[in-house]
Protein backbone atom coordinates (compact mmCIF):
# COMPACT_ATOMS: atom_id res chain seq x y z
CA MET A 1 -0.13 -0.04 -0.09
CA SER A 2 1.39 3.64 -0.79
CA ALA A 3 -0.39 6.81 0.36
CA VAL A 4 -1.43 10.17 -1.53
CA GLY A 5 1.41 12.42 -2.03
CA THR A 6 3.69 9.74 -3.07
CA ARG A 7 6.50 11.47 -5.56
CA GLN A 8 10.36 11.09 -6.16
CA GLY A 9 12.26 13.00 -3.78
CA GLU A 10 14.60 12.89 -0.75
CA GLU A 11 14.22 11.50 2.47
CA PRO A 12 12.95 12.11 4.83
CA ALA A 13 10.20 14.00 2.02
CA ARG A 14 6.92 12.65 2.85
CA GLY A 15 6.14 10.10 0.12
CA ALA A 16 9.82 9.40 -0.87
CA SER A 17 10.22 6.10 0.48
CA TYR A 18 6.71 4.97 -1.12
CA TRP A 19 7.70 6.56 -4.39
CA ARG A 20 10.97 4.21 -4.45
CA GLY A 21 8.58 0.76 -3.67
CA GLU A 22 6.26 1.86 -6.47
CA GLN A 23 8.90 2.40 -8.96
CA HIS A 24 10.16 -1.28 -8.03
CA LEU A 25 6.59 -2.92 -8.28
CA ILE A 26 6.26 -1.15 -11.62
CA ALA A 27 9.50 -2.52 -12.96
CA THR A 28 9.30 -5.99 -11.37
CA ALA A 29 5.72 -6.62 -11.20
CA PRO A 30 3.54 -4.64 -13.73
CA ALA A 31 0.32 -6.34 -13.67
CA TRP A 32 -0.02 -5.60 -9.75
CA THR A 33 -2.37 -2.30 -8.60
CA ILE A 34 -0.92 -0.06 -6.16
CA LEU A 35 -3.31 1.30 -3.82
CA ARG A 36 -2.91 4.93 -2.83
CA MET A 37 -4.78 5.39 0.54
CA ASN A 38 -5.41 8.67 2.45
CA PHE A 39 -8.59 8.22 4.69
CA TYR A 40 -9.31 5.18 6.82
CA ALA A 41 -13.08 4.24 6.81
CA GLU A 42 -12.91 3.97 10.60
CA ALA A 43 -11.61 7.36 10.75
CA PHE A 44 -14.71 8.85 9.14
CA VAL A 45 -16.84 6.89 11.03
CA GLN A 46 -15.32 8.40 14.40
CA LEU A 47 -15.73 12.01 12.45
CA ALA A 48 -19.09 11.43 12.01
CA GLN A 49 -19.89 10.03 15.58
CA ALA A 50 -18.25 13.26 17.00
CA ALA A 51 -19.97 15.11 14.31
CA LEU A 52 -23.41 13.69 16.08
CA ASN A 53 -22.17 15.45 19.40
CA GLN A 54 -21.49 18.94 18.24
CA GLY A 55 -24.52 18.75 15.51
CA VAL A 56 -21.93 19.70 12.64
CA LEU A 57 -20.45 17.31 9.97
CA THR A 58 -17.43 18.88 8.05
CA GLY A 59 -17.71 17.20 4.42
CA LEU A 60 -14.93 16.39 2.15
CA ALA A 61 -16.49 18.72 -0.46
CA GLU A 62 -14.84 18.63 -3.62
CA ASN A 63 -11.66 16.73 -2.31
CA ARG A 64 -11.63 12.99 -3.69
CA ALA A 65 -10.93 10.53 -1.11
CA ALA A 66 -9.78 6.55 -1.14
CA PHE A 67 -11.20 5.21 1.62
CA VAL A 68 -9.60 2.12 2.74
CA ASN A 69 -10.35 -0.11 5.81
CA SER A 70 -7.34 -1.14 8.08
CA GLY A 71 -9.36 -4.86 8.74
CA ARG A 72 -9.50 -4.00 12.39
CA THR A 73 -13.08 -3.72 12.79
CA THR A 74 -14.25 -6.48 9.90
CA GLY A 75 -11.68 -9.31 10.77
CA TYR A 76 -9.71 -9.07 7.21
CA HIS A 77 -6.07 -8.36 7.29
């Protein structure tokens, strides 16, 4: 799994280590799909629960989100 913001750069730049891993997969296993997560579904649920207490839910608006699940709540790992 990779992350949003992955790009070529020098460590400790955010995304630099992910970029090297992606490049390795592209070169050696081109049939693989690289998932760039940026929002855990569990975090969104927690955000919605907290919003109920405050009466306001701030949305993602025009921002695109690639939801992923950690597997902790579903039993899948």
